[in-house]
Amino acid sequence: MKKVILFLEPVNALLKVVKYAHEQGFIPIAMHQYPLQTIPPYGEYVMFLECTKQIEDWSNMDEVMSVFDDLQARFNIVGTYTGAEVTLSCDAVIRERLGIAHTSREVISSILNKKKAREQLYANGLSKIQCFSCDEVAQWSSWPENKTLFLKPIHGAGSAGVHQLSSSDDFNKVQSILHQSRQTSFKIVNDFINSEECFIEEAAEGELISVEGFVSEGKLNVIGLTSRTVLHSNPVIEMGATFPYPHPLADDIFKYASDVIQCLGVQHNSIHMELMISDTNNIEFIELNMRFAGVDLITAMNIAYELEMESHLLDMAIGKSSSFHLPQYTHHASLQYILPDSTHKTFQSIDLPEEDLAFTRIFKNVDDPMPGEINQFGFVAGFIVADRSYEKTLEKAAQVRQTYKLNQQTSNEAKTQKVILR
C-alpha cells in the first residue's frame, strides 16, 4: 500500500506541506472541522488531498478517534502533520497510536495552558515573571505602584484577547468585554481561545523575538531567529517579522530555548518560541507554540534559505529524527502585514508595488467589513520583501508601508498605524 500522511485541519501555509508530500510520492489525506479553504495563495493545494473527513468538534476525542480508526482501516498512515493549536492534543494521541515519535498529550496540554507553563518555568528558575488568577487580582485592596500587568486567555493565540492593565479600573473594564475582544478574522482561532478562563501575568519589558526550530528526541535543532515589527501605539500588536534576525545574543538565546524545551518535556515537535530580550540582556519566556511558525513565515524562510522547509516538516511528520544541517542563508526576508484604520469600514481594494515584492497576499474580499478592534488577526493584506542585507530589507519594507494604497487612499501609517520595524 502507498504511504499516507494524515493532515489535521490543513489551512493556510500548512497546505504547502500537503503539496510537497504529494510531490514526494505520499498520499495526503485530511481530517477537518472547518470548511477547507481554496483561496490563494495556498488554497489551490487542497486539490492534492485524496480523501477528506469532516468532524464535528476537535474537543470530542472519542469522535476524532472513531474517524481516525475508519481512515486507518483504509490507508497505510505513516505520519501526521498539523499547525493548529486546537488539533494538537488529538495529534498526540493519533501519533501514539501509530507508534510515531511525538510529545505526549499530557505535556501538550500543560504547554497549551499558558498559566501552567509559566508556573513550571518560574519554579525551575527559567522565568522571573509571576502570574495570578483573576480571582486573586480581584481581591487586591490596591493596585501595585507603577505595575503593568497583562490579562491573557489561558489558551491564547497571538495578541487576541490580550489586554494591558495599569490599574484596577483597567481590570474591571476589561472583564466586561472579554468575549468581544477575542474575536478575530479566523474562526479556528476564535474557537481555540473562546473560553472564560483567563490569567494575569507581570509584564516583560524589552524586544520580542522568536526561536524557530524542530525538537527531535528532546533536543532542539535551531532554524533561526525571527524579529518582530510591532504597532508603535500598542507593541502587543504584531505587524510583521524578519527572518533570519542577526541578534548579538543569538548563542545565549538558543541555549536558553534549549533549557526551556527540556524543562517543559518536549520530545518531538516543530516549535515557535516567543522570548523577550531586555535592555540589560535578560532573556525572558513569553510563550511556546507547539507548531511551526504560522501565517506566511515558511514562505519567508524558503526565500531566505533558497530551499523548501517543507522537506524538514515532512521528516517531522513521519517521525524522522530531524538532525538537519541548513545551508548558509542568502537573503533576509521581511514579512509585513497591513491593518486598516478606523476610516475604512469595508474593503474595496489594495494597491501594492508588486514588482518590488517577493510575495503578496490579500485577506479580504470586496465589500468585506473591516475589523472593529485592532488586533493582529484583522489584517487586510501582507507582503514579503527580501535583500542580502538586513538593513536594506527593512528599508524596502518601510518604503512599501509608506506608499501602498488601501481603498485608493495612500497609506497614512505615519499617523495612525506607525510601526517599529525590525
Foldseek 3Di string as FASTA:
>chain_A
DAEEEEEEADDFPSLVLLQVCVVVRHQYAYEYADDQDLDPDRNVSVVSHPYYHYDNALVPLVRVVVVVVVVVVVHNYQFYAYFALSNQLSRQVVCVVNVFDFFHSVLSVQQQQVQSLQVLCVVVVLAPKHKFFLVVVVPDPFDPPPFKKWKAQRRADQCQQIDIDDTVVSSVVSLVCRLVSNDFPDVSRSVRRRDSGIMMMGDDDAFKKKWWFWAAQLFTDTPAIKGFKAFPVDRSATFWIKPHDDDPCRVVVNVSVSVSSVSSRGHTATKIWMWGQHPVRDIHGDHIRRHGDDRCVQVQSCQFQVHRCSVLSVCSRSNHRPPDDGDHTQKMKMKGFDADDPVAFFFADKDFPVVQFPDKDADDDGRHGQDPDDHNRRTGMMTMGMDSDPVVRQVSVVVRQQAMATVNHGHPCVPPGPIDTD
